[in-house]
C-alpha atoms as a PDB file:
ATOM      1  CA  MET A   1     112.452-225.600-109.552  1.00  0.00           C
ATOM      2  CA  TYR A   2     114.217-222.774-111.404  1.00  0.00           C
ATOM      3  CA  LEU A   3     117.622-223.903-110.234  1.00  0.00           C
ATOM      4  CA  GLN A   4     116.931-227.549-111.445  1.00  0.00           C
ATOM      5  CA  GLU A   5     115.721-226.288-114.810  1.00  0.00           C
ATOM      6  CA  ASP A   6     118.845-224.152-115.076  1.00  0.00           C
ATOM      7  CA  ASP A   7     121.033-227.197-114.295  1.00  0.00           C
ATOM      8  CA  TRP A   8     119.157-229.272-116.926  1.00  0.00           C
ATOM      9  CA  LYS A   9     119.738-226.643-119.668  1.00  0.00           C
ATOM     10  CA  ASN A  10     123.427-226.394-118.834  1.00  0.00           C
ATOM     11  CA  GLU A  11     123.796-230.215-118.873  1.00  0.00           C
ATOM     12  CA  ILE A  12     122.380-230.237-122.406  1.00  0.00           C
ATOM     13  CA  VAL A  13     124.370-227.275-123.863  1.00  0.00           C
ATOM     14  CA  LEU A  14     127.610-227.689-121.954  1.00  0.00           C
ATOM     15  CA  TYR A  15     127.739-231.527-122.118  1.00  0.00           C
ATOM     16  CA  PHE A  16     131.026-231.626-123.968  1.00  0.00           C
ATOM     17  CA  PHE A  17     132.768-228.996-121.873  1.00  0.00           C
ATOM     18  CA  PRO A  18     135.343-229.997-119.151  1.00  0.00           C
ATOM     19  CA  ASP A  19     134.102-230.537-115.667  1.00  0.00           C
ATOM     20  CA  GLY A  20     135.748-227.230-114.622  1.00  0.00           C
ATOM     21  CA  VAL A  21     132.937-225.341-116.320  1.00  0.00           C
ATOM     22  CA  TYR A  22     130.467-226.631-113.759  1.00  0.00           C
ATOM     23  CA  GLU A  23     132.529-225.128-110.957  1.00  0.00           C
ATOM     24  CA  LEU A  24     132.023-221.605-112.356  1.00  0.00           C
ATOM     25  CA  PRO A  25     129.362-219.411-110.755  1.00  0.00           C
ATOM     26  CA  ARG A  26     125.804-220.027-112.018  1.00  0.00           C
ATOM     27  CA  PHE A  27     125.625-216.711-113.783  1.00  0.00           C
ATOM     28  CA  ALA A  28     128.818-217.443-115.743  1.00  0.00           C
ATOM     29  CA  ARG A  29     127.460-220.833-116.802  1.00  0.00           C
ATOM     30  CA  CYS A  30     124.308-219.270-117.885  1.00  0.00           C
ATOM     31  CA  TRP A  31     126.221-216.717-120.028  1.00  0.00           C
ATOM     32  CA  ILE A  32     128.371-219.395-121.727  1.00  0.00           C
ATOM     33  CA  ARG A  33     125.205-221.332-122.494  1.00  0.00           C
ATOM     34  CA  ASN A  34     123.360-218.418-123.909  1.00  0.00           C
ATOM     35  CA  TYR A  35     126.430-217.209-125.890  1.00  0.00           C
ATOM     36  CA  LEU A  36     126.950-220.545-127.542  1.00  0.00           C
ATOM     37  CA  LEU A  37     123.244-220.942-128.459  1.00  0.00           C
ATOM     38  CA  THR A  38     123.131-217.412-129.845  1.00  0.00           C
ATOM     39  CA  VAL A  39     126.265-217.933-131.989  1.00  0.00           C
ATOM     40  CA  VAL A  40     125.035-221.265-133.318  1.00  0.00           C
ATOM     41  CA  LEU A  41     121.492-219.812-134.048  1.00  0.00           C
ATOM     42  CA  TYR A  42     122.874-216.696-135.708  1.00  0.00           C
ATOM     43  CA  LEU A  43     125.589-218.284-137.929  1.00  0.00           C
ATOM     44  CA  GLY A  44     123.679-221.525-138.643  1.00  0.00           C
ATOM     45  CA  LEU A  45     120.333-220.053-139.425  1.00  0.00           C
ATOM     46  CA  GLY A  46     121.873-217.058-141.313  1.00  0.00           C
ATOM     47  CA  ALA A  47     123.804-219.466-143.476  1.00  0.00           C
ATOM     48  CA  LEU A  48     120.874-221.707-144.180  1.00  0.00           C
ATOM     49  CA  TRP A  49     118.692-218.771-144.856  1.00  0.00           C
ATOM     50  CA  SER A  50     121.138-217.188-147.239  1.00  0.00           C
ATOM     51  CA  ILE A  51     121.710-220.436-149.181  1.00  0.00           C
ATOM     52  CA  TRP A  52     117.964-220.726-149.618  1.00  0.00           C
ATOM     53  CA  VAL A  53     117.083-217.176-150.703  1.00  0.00           C
ATOM     54  CA  TYR A  54     120.299-216.394-152.607  1.00  0.00           C
ATOM     55  CA  LYS A  55     121.527-219.652-154.067  1.00  0.00           C
ATOM     56  CA  ILE A  56     118.448-221.905-154.398  1.00  0.00           C
ATOM     57  CA  LYS A  57     115.707-219.313-154.961  1.00  0.00           C
ATOM     58  CA  GLY A  58     117.867-216.358-155.965  1.00  0.00           C
ATOM     59  CA  LYS A  59     116.657-216.008-159.531  1.00  0.00           C
ATOM     60  CA  ARG A  60     113.084-216.007-158.306  1.00  0.00           C
ATOM     61  CA  TYR A  61     113.438-213.476-155.605  1.00  0.00           C
ATOM     62  CA  PHE A  62     116.125-211.099-156.830  1.00  0.00           C
ATOM     63  CA  ALA A  63     116.917-209.255-160.046  1.00  0.00           C
ATOM     64  CA  PRO A  64     120.603-208.621-160.945  1.00  0.00           C
ATOM     65  CA  GLY A  65     122.164-206.156-158.467  1.00  0.00           C
ATOM     66  CA  GLU A  66     119.602-206.736-155.787  1.00  0.00           C
ATOM     67  CA  LYS A  67     121.570-209.139-153.658  1.00  0.00           C
ATOM     68  CA  PRO A  68     123.899-207.808-150.878  1.00  0.00           C
ATOM     69  CA  SER A  69     127.598-207.857-151.549  1.00  0.00           C
ATOM     70  CA  LYS A  70     129.926-210.152-149.652  1.00  0.00           C
ATOM     71  CA  LYS A  71     131.503-207.095-148.077  1.00  0.00           C
ATOM     72  CA  ASP A  72     128.201-206.046-146.529  1.00  0.00           C
ATOM     73  CA  VAL A  73     127.415-209.571-145.352  1.00  0.00           C
ATOM     74  CA  PHE A  74     130.789-209.995-143.675  1.00  0.00           C
ATOM     75  CA  GLU A  75     130.595-206.598-142.042  1.00  0.00           C
ATOM     76  CA  GLN A  76     127.135-207.556-140.668  1.00  0.00           C
ATOM     77  CA  ILE A  77     128.619-210.754-139.232  1.00  0.00           C
ATOM     78  CA  LYS A  78     131.522-208.864-137.695  1.00  0.00           C
ATOM     79  CA  VAL A  79     129.182-206.381-135.970  1.00  0.00           C
ATOM     80  CA  SER A  80     126.946-209.112-134.780  1.00  0.00           C
ATOM     81  CA  MET A  81     129.721-211.299-133.408  1.00  0.00           C
ATOM     82  CA  MET A  82     131.073-208.357-131.452  1.00  0.00           C
ATOM     83  CA  ALA A  83     127.556-207.648-129.916  1.00  0.00           C
ATOM     84  CA  ILE A  84     126.545-211.301-129.153  1.00  0.00           C
ATOM     85  CA  PRO A  85     128.612-211.506-125.906  1.00  0.00           C
ATOM     86  CA  LEU A  86     126.523-208.670-124.456  1.00  0.00           C
ATOM     87  CA  TYR A  87     123.257-209.963-125.904  1.00  0.00           C
ATOM     88  CA  ALA A  88     123.858-213.136-123.976  1.00  0.00           C
ATOM     89  CA  LEU A  89     123.749-211.198-120.745  1.00  0.00           C
ATOM     90  CA  LEU A  90     120.045-210.273-121.020  1.00  0.00           C
ATOM     91  CA  PRO A  91     118.600-213.764-120.548  1.00  0.00           C
ATOM     92  CA  CYS A  92     121.105-214.387-117.753  1.00  0.00           C
ATOM     93  CA  ALA A  93     119.944-211.191-115.976  1.00  0.00           C
ATOM     94  CA  ALA A  94     116.281-212.299-116.419  1.00  0.00           C
ATOM     95  CA  GLU A  95     117.043-215.753-115.091  1.00  0.00           C
ATOM     96  CA  TRP A  96     118.910-214.216-112.109  1.00  0.00           C
ATOM     97  CA  MET A  97     115.922-211.974-111.267  1.00  0.00           C
ATOM     98  CA  VAL A  98     113.430-214.785-111.658  1.00  0.00           C
ATOM     99  CA  GLU A  99     115.267-217.127-109.435  1.00  0.00           C
ATOM    100  CA  ARG A 100     115.221-214.562-106.636  1.00  0.00           C
ATOM    101  CA  GLY A 101     111.465-214.197-106.866  1.00  0.00           C
ATOM    102  CA  TRP A 102     111.536-210.594-108.013  1.00  0.00           C
ATOM    103  CA  THR A 103     109.135-211.061-110.957  1.00  0.00           C
ATOM    104  CA  LYS A 104     105.708-212.640-111.594  1.00  0.00           C
ATOM    105  CA  ALA A 105     107.205-215.435-113.624  1.00  0.00           C
ATOM    106  CA  TYR A 106     106.213-219.059-112.814  1.00  0.00           C
ATOM    107  CA  ALA A 107     108.115-222.325-113.381  1.00  0.00           C
ATOM    108  CA  SER A 108     105.439-224.745-114.423  1.00  0.00           C
ATOM    109  CA  ILE A 109     102.336-224.381-116.612  1.00  0.00           C
ATOM    110  CA  SER A 110     100.510-226.563-113.960  1.00  0.00           C
ATOM    111  CA  GLU A 111     100.826-223.631-111.566  1.00  0.00           C
ATOM    112  CA  VAL A 112      98.203-221.678-113.636  1.00  0.00           C
ATOM    113  CA  GLY A 113      96.593-224.144-115.962  1.00  0.00           C
ATOM    114  CA  ILE A 114      96.558-224.246-119.773  1.00  0.00           C
ATOM    115  CA  PRO A 115      93.752-221.657-120.305  1.00  0.00           C
ATOM    116  CA  MET A 116      95.504-219.122-118.139  1.00  0.00           C
ATOM    117  CA  PHE A 117      98.883-219.891-119.712  1.00  0.00           C
ATOM    118  CA  PHE A 118      97.449-218.766-123.097  1.00  0.00           C
ATOM    119  CA  ALA A 119      95.690-215.779-121.468  1.00  0.00           C
ATOM    120  CA  TYR A 120      98.908-214.571-119.809  1.00  0.00           C
ATOM    121  CA  PHE A 121     100.864-215.351-122.947  1.00  0.00           C
ATOM    122  CA  ALA A 122      98.556-213.039-125.013  1.00  0.00           C
ATOM    123  CA  MET A 123      98.784-210.299-122.328  1.00  0.00           C
ATOM    124  CA  TYR A 124     102.527-210.618-122.167  1.00  0.00           C
ATOM    125  CA  MET A 125     102.938-210.388-125.948  1.00  0.00           C
ATOM    126  CA  CYS A 126     100.682-207.340-126.177  1.00  0.00           C
ATOM    127  CA  CYS A 127     102.980-205.559-123.581  1.00  0.00           C
ATOM    128  CA  VAL A 128     106.101-206.707-125.402  1.00  0.00           C
ATOM    129  CA  GLU A 129     104.734-205.424-128.811  1.00  0.00           C
ATOM    130  CA  PHE A 130     103.980-202.076-127.127  1.00  0.00           C
ATOM    131  CA  GLY A 131     107.399-201.942-125.410  1.00  0.00           C
ATOM    132  CA  VAL A 132     109.408-202.848-128.473  1.00  0.00           C
ATOM    133  CA  TYR A 133     107.496-200.389-130.689  1.00  0.00           C
ATOM    134  CA  TRP A 134     108.194-197.471-128.438  1.00  0.00           C
ATOM    135  CA  MET A 135     111.713-198.507-127.688  1.00  0.00           C
ATOM    136  CA  HIS A 136     112.504-198.787-131.339  1.00  0.00           C
ATOM    137  CA  ARG A 137     110.753-195.502-132.099  1.00  0.00           C
ATOM    138  CA  MET A 138     112.728-193.758-129.327  1.00  0.00           C
ATOM    139  CA  LEU A 139     116.004-194.996-130.867  1.00  0.00           C
ATOM    140  CA  HIS A 140     115.040-193.144-134.027  1.00  0.00           C
ATOM    141  CA  GLU A 141     113.503-190.027-132.582  1.00  0.00           C
ATOM    142  CA  SER A 142     116.201-189.306-129.962  1.00  0.00           C
ATOM    143  CA  LYS A 143     119.139-187.808-131.813  1.00  0.00           C
ATOM    144  CA  PHE A 144     121.483-188.926-129.056  1.00  0.00           C
ATOM    145  CA  LEU A 145     120.388-192.549-129.116  1.00  0.00           C
ATOM    146  CA  TYR A 146     120.230-192.625-132.969  1.00  0.00           C
ATOM    147  CA  ASN A 147     123.686-191.066-133.480  1.00  0.00           C
ATOM    148  CA  ASN A 148     125.330-193.100-130.882  1.00  0.00           C
ATOM    149  CA  LEU A 149     123.632-196.469-131.084  1.00  0.00           C
ATOM    150  CA  HIS A 150     120.988-197.163-133.759  1.00  0.00           C
ATOM    151  CA  TYR A 151     122.822-195.630-136.777  1.00  0.00           C
ATOM    152  CA  ILE A 152     125.044-198.729-136.807  1.00  0.00           C
ATOM    153  CA  HIS A 153     122.175-200.878-137.804  1.00  0.00           C
ATOM    154  CA  HIS A 154     120.775-198.351-140.273  1.00  0.00           C
ATOM    155  CA  LYS A 155     123.953-198.233-142.384  1.00  0.00           C
ATOM    156  CA  TYR A 156     122.144-200.992-144.252  1.00  0.00           C
ATOM    157  CA  ASN A 157     119.597-198.489-145.735  1.00  0.00           C
ATOM    158  CA  LYS A 158     119.258-199.781-149.259  1.00  0.00           C
ATOM    159  CA  GLU A 159     117.540-202.944-150.387  1.00  0.00           C
ATOM    160  CA  ASN A 160     120.678-204.537-151.706  1.00  0.00           C
ATOM    161  CA  THR A 161     122.565-203.968-148.463  1.00  0.00           C
ATOM    162  CA  MET A 162     120.268-205.995-146.228  1.00  0.00           C
ATOM    163  CA  SER A 163     120.682-209.741-145.584  1.00  0.00           C
ATOM    164  CA  PRO A 164     119.660-212.316-143.009  1.00  0.00           C
ATOM    165  CA  PHE A 165     123.004-211.664-141.267  1.00  0.00           C
ATOM    166  CA  ALA A 166     121.881-208.007-140.648  1.00  0.00           C
ATOM    167  CA  GLY A 167     119.386-209.208-138.067  1.00  0.00           C
ATOM    168  CA  LEU A 168     121.723-208.954-135.056  1.00  0.00           C
ATOM    169  CA  ALA A 169     124.085-206.274-136.490  1.00  0.00           C
ATOM    170  CA  PHE A 170     123.399-203.617-133.823  1.00  0.00           C
ATOM    171  CA  HIS A 171     125.389-201.790-131.272  1.00  0.00           C
ATOM    172  CA  PRO A 172     125.086-204.158-128.319  1.00  0.00           C
ATOM    173  CA  LEU A 173     123.277-201.647-126.091  1.00  0.00           C
ATOM    174  CA  ASP A 174     120.814-201.023-128.976  1.00  0.00           C
ATOM    175  CA  GLY A 175     120.067-204.708-129.349  1.00  0.00           C
ATOM    176  CA  MET A 176     119.625-205.094-125.611  1.00  0.00           C
ATOM    177  CA  LEU A 177     117.322-202.089-125.326  1.00  0.00           C
ATOM    178  CA  GLN A 178     115.102-203.457-128.048  1.00  0.00           C
ATOM    179  CA  ALA A 179     114.817-206.899-126.221  1.00  0.00           C
ATOM    180  CA  ILE A 180     114.460-205.472-122.699  1.00  0.00           C
ATOM    181  CA  PRO A 181     110.638-205.276-122.887  1.00  0.00           C
ATOM    182  CA  TYR A 182     110.692-209.056-122.697  1.00  0.00           C
ATOM    183  CA  VAL A 183     112.324-208.676-119.291  1.00  0.00           C
ATOM    184  CA  TRP A 184     110.493-205.732-117.739  1.00  0.00           C
ATOM    185  CA  THR A 185     107.123-207.206-118.656  1.00  0.00           C
ATOM    186  CA  LEU A 186     107.936-210.107-116.330  1.00  0.00           C
ATOM    187  CA  TYR A 187     107.391-207.643-113.471  1.00  0.00           C
ATOM    188  CA  MET A 188     103.738-206.990-114.653  1.00  0.00           C
ATOM    189  CA  VAL A 189     102.400-210.186-116.214  1.00  0.00           C
ATOM    190  CA  PRO A 190     102.699-213.781-114.920  1.00  0.00           C
ATOM    191  CA  MET A 191     104.566-215.721-117.554  1.00  0.00           C
ATOM    192  CA  HIS A 192     106.063-219.168-117.917  1.00  0.00           C
ATOM    193  CA  PHE A 193     109.767-218.459-117.754  1.00  0.00           C
ATOM    194  CA  LEU A 194     111.043-221.187-120.087  1.00  0.00           C
ATOM    195  CA  THR A 195     108.610-219.797-122.661  1.00  0.00           C
ATOM    196  CA  VAL A 196     110.118-216.341-122.235  1.00  0.00           C
ATOM    197  CA  GLU A 197     113.641-217.804-122.893  1.00  0.00           C
ATOM    198  CA  LEU A 198     112.355-219.574-125.968  1.00  0.00           C
ATOM    199  CA  LEU A 199     110.765-216.277-127.093  1.00  0.00           C
ATOM    200  CA  LEU A 200     114.049-214.418-126.711  1.00  0.00           C
ATOM    201  CA  PHE A 201     115.732-216.899-129.042  1.00  0.00           C
ATOM    202  CA  ALA A 202     112.685-216.790-131.392  1.00  0.00           C
ATOM    203  CA  THR A 203     113.487-213.094-131.933  1.00  0.00           C
ATOM    204  CA  GLY A 204     116.749-214.235-133.437  1.00  0.00           C
ATOM    205  CA  VAL A 205     114.832-216.342-135.952  1.00  0.00           C
ATOM    206  CA  TRP A 206     112.378-213.484-136.676  1.00  0.00           C
ATOM    207  CA  THR A 207     115.055-210.856-137.106  1.00  0.00           C
ATOM    208  CA  THR A 208     116.796-213.144-139.585  1.00  0.00           C
ATOM    209  CA  ASN A 209     113.573-213.387-141.554  1.00  0.00           C
ATOM    210  CA  ILE A 210     112.707-209.681-141.703  1.00  0.00           C
ATOM    211  CA  HIS A 211     116.079-208.649-143.094  1.00  0.00           C
ATOM    212  CA  ASP A 212     115.952-210.943-146.199  1.00  0.00           C
ATOM    213  CA  ASN A 213     114.212-208.298-148.204  1.00  0.00           C
ATOM    214  CA  ILE A 214     111.545-210.669-149.605  1.00  0.00           C
ATOM    215  CA  ASN A 215     107.893-209.677-149.622  1.00  0.00           C
ATOM    216  CA  GLY A 216     106.076-212.576-148.007  1.00  0.00           C
ATOM    217  CA  LYS A 217     102.670-210.831-148.187  1.00  0.00           C
ATOM    218  CA  CYS A 218     101.883-211.852-144.594  1.00  0.00           C
ATOM    219  CA  GLU A 219      99.717-208.978-143.229  1.00  0.00           C
ATOM    220  CA  PRO A 220      99.194-208.295-140.307  1.00  0.00           C
ATOM    221  CA  ILE A 221     102.589-209.797-139.609  1.00  0.00           C
ATOM    222  CA  MET A 222     105.397-207.253-139.758  1.00  0.00           C
ATOM    223  CA  GLY A 223     107.324-209.183-142.495  1.00  0.00           C
ATOM    224  CA  ALA A 224     110.444-208.396-144.425  1.00  0.00           C
ATOM    225  CA  ALA A 225     108.762-206.077-146.917  1.00  0.00           C
ATOM    226  CA  TYR A 226     107.527-203.811-144.155  1.00  0.00           C
ATOM    227  CA  HIS A 227     110.903-203.805-142.416  1.00  0.00           C
ATOM    228  CA  THR A 228     112.705-203.001-145.674  1.00  0.00           C
ATOM    229  CA  ILE A 229     110.524-199.835-145.819  1.00  0.00           C
ATOM    230  CA  HIS A 230     111.653-199.083-142.318  1.00  0.00           C
ATOM    231  CA  HIS A 231     115.294-199.312-143.302  1.00  0.00           C
ATOM    232  CA  THR A 232     114.922-197.232-146.396  1.00  0.00           C
ATOM    233  CA  LEU A 233     112.491-194.551-145.086  1.00  0.00           C
ATOM    234  CA  TYR A 234     113.382-194.592-141.325  1.00  0.00           C
ATOM    235  CA  ARG A 235     110.099-193.159-139.988  1.00  0.00           C
ATOM    236  CA  PHE A 236     107.692-195.993-140.583  1.00  0.00           C
ATOM    237  CA  ASN A 237     107.021-199.555-139.402  1.00  0.00           C
ATOM    238  CA  TYR A 238     108.740-199.682-136.047  1.00  0.00           C
ATOM    239  CA  GLY A 239     106.724-202.699-134.864  1.00  0.00           C
ATOM    240  CA  HIS A 240     107.942-206.128-133.666  1.00  0.00           C
ATOM    241  CA  TYR A 241     105.992-209.129-134.887  1.00  0.00           C
ATOM    242  CA  LEU A 242     102.738-207.314-135.896  1.00  0.00           C
ATOM    243  CA  THR A 243     101.649-204.104-137.617  1.00  0.00           C
ATOM    244  CA  TYR A 244      99.056-203.048-134.963  1.00  0.00           C
ATOM    245  CA  MET A 245     101.169-200.646-133.033  1.00  0.00           C
ATOM    246  CA  ASP A 246     102.186-198.790-136.142  1.00  0.00           C
ATOM    247  CA  ARG A 247      98.509-198.642-137.195  1.00  0.00           C
ATOM    248  CA  ALA A 248      97.638-197.317-133.723  1.00  0.00           C
ATOM    249  CA  PHE A 249     100.342-194.577-133.565  1.00  0.00           C
ATOM    250  CA  GLY A 250     100.326-193.400-137.150  1.00  0.00           C
ATOM    251  CA  THR A 251     103.591-194.852-138.444  1.00  0.00           C
ATOM    252  CA  TYR A 252     102.207-197.528-140.641  1.00  0.00           C
ATOM    253  CA  ILE A 253     102.820-197.944-144.419  1.00  0.00           C
ATOM    254  CA  THR A 254     102.357-200.860-146.658  1.00  0.00           C
ATOM    255  CA  PRO A 255     104.537-201.942-149.594  1.00  0.00           C
ATOM    256  CA  TYR A 256     101.442-201.204-151.808  1.00  0.00           C
ATOM    257  CA  GLN A 257     101.175-197.593-150.423  1.00  0.00           C
ATOM    258  CA  LEU A 258     104.855-197.059-151.043  1.00  0.00           C
ATOM    259  CA  GLU A 259     104.543-198.192-154.636  1.00  0.00           C
ATOM    260  CA  LYS A 260     101.625-195.801-155.125  1.00  0.00           C
ATOM    261  CA  ARG A 261     103.819-192.961-153.745  1.00  0.00           C
ATOM    262  CA  LYS A 262     106.569-193.800-156.164  1.00  0.00           C
ATOM    263  CA  SER A 263     104.237-193.888-159.186  1.00  0.00           C
ATOM    264  CA  LYS A 264     102.900-190.355-158.631  1.00  0.00           C
END
């Protein structure tokens, strides 16, 4: 079932490629597929998002001097494009392990039924939220990891240096470490694997959103306003999609609380 699904995905994404591509090892085909999808998602979504927030809605969202410079944006694109080849390895590794039966993943929702699909999904995402929170926090609290990996992303530590293109601008090992809870949780929680792959790509959409520096007022979702605080203060708001882990472990601060601090 997994191999058939893999072939189906390759046929869609690699449709216009020469036949020789299909003679490559399965892992290589998986990497090419994920690399292409990630590049298209990153550049396409980043461009559309930037046009919307800077060109179409720029006067509404940003005062003069609050938009990122072209230099910062192009640097973010450069860093991201250098990292994406390694990012594309993670879903390939997950697929390789799943195909060998090493995880608790399942191929069809019919294997567990719709109620259990949603129950396992909730359990899986709780574990992912926990794992991403602590991985991200560790990348800050370990001087070795911060100075050698995570500092690259935190060069963008002012509001006018962040952009939708900063979302994947990490050292490649840093980006993979923050995504790896999606993979190791497969060893603990039964999960529909195609949904996992879609979730990995959904993080690309999410990370584009949280770097646009716009306060969407979407509590308890960890929106851009919360992540901007993380970039400027470093020690708060490590969470993934939701604010609950920061609330639980004492690293939570809201935009409103920050404004109160500044006004004192």
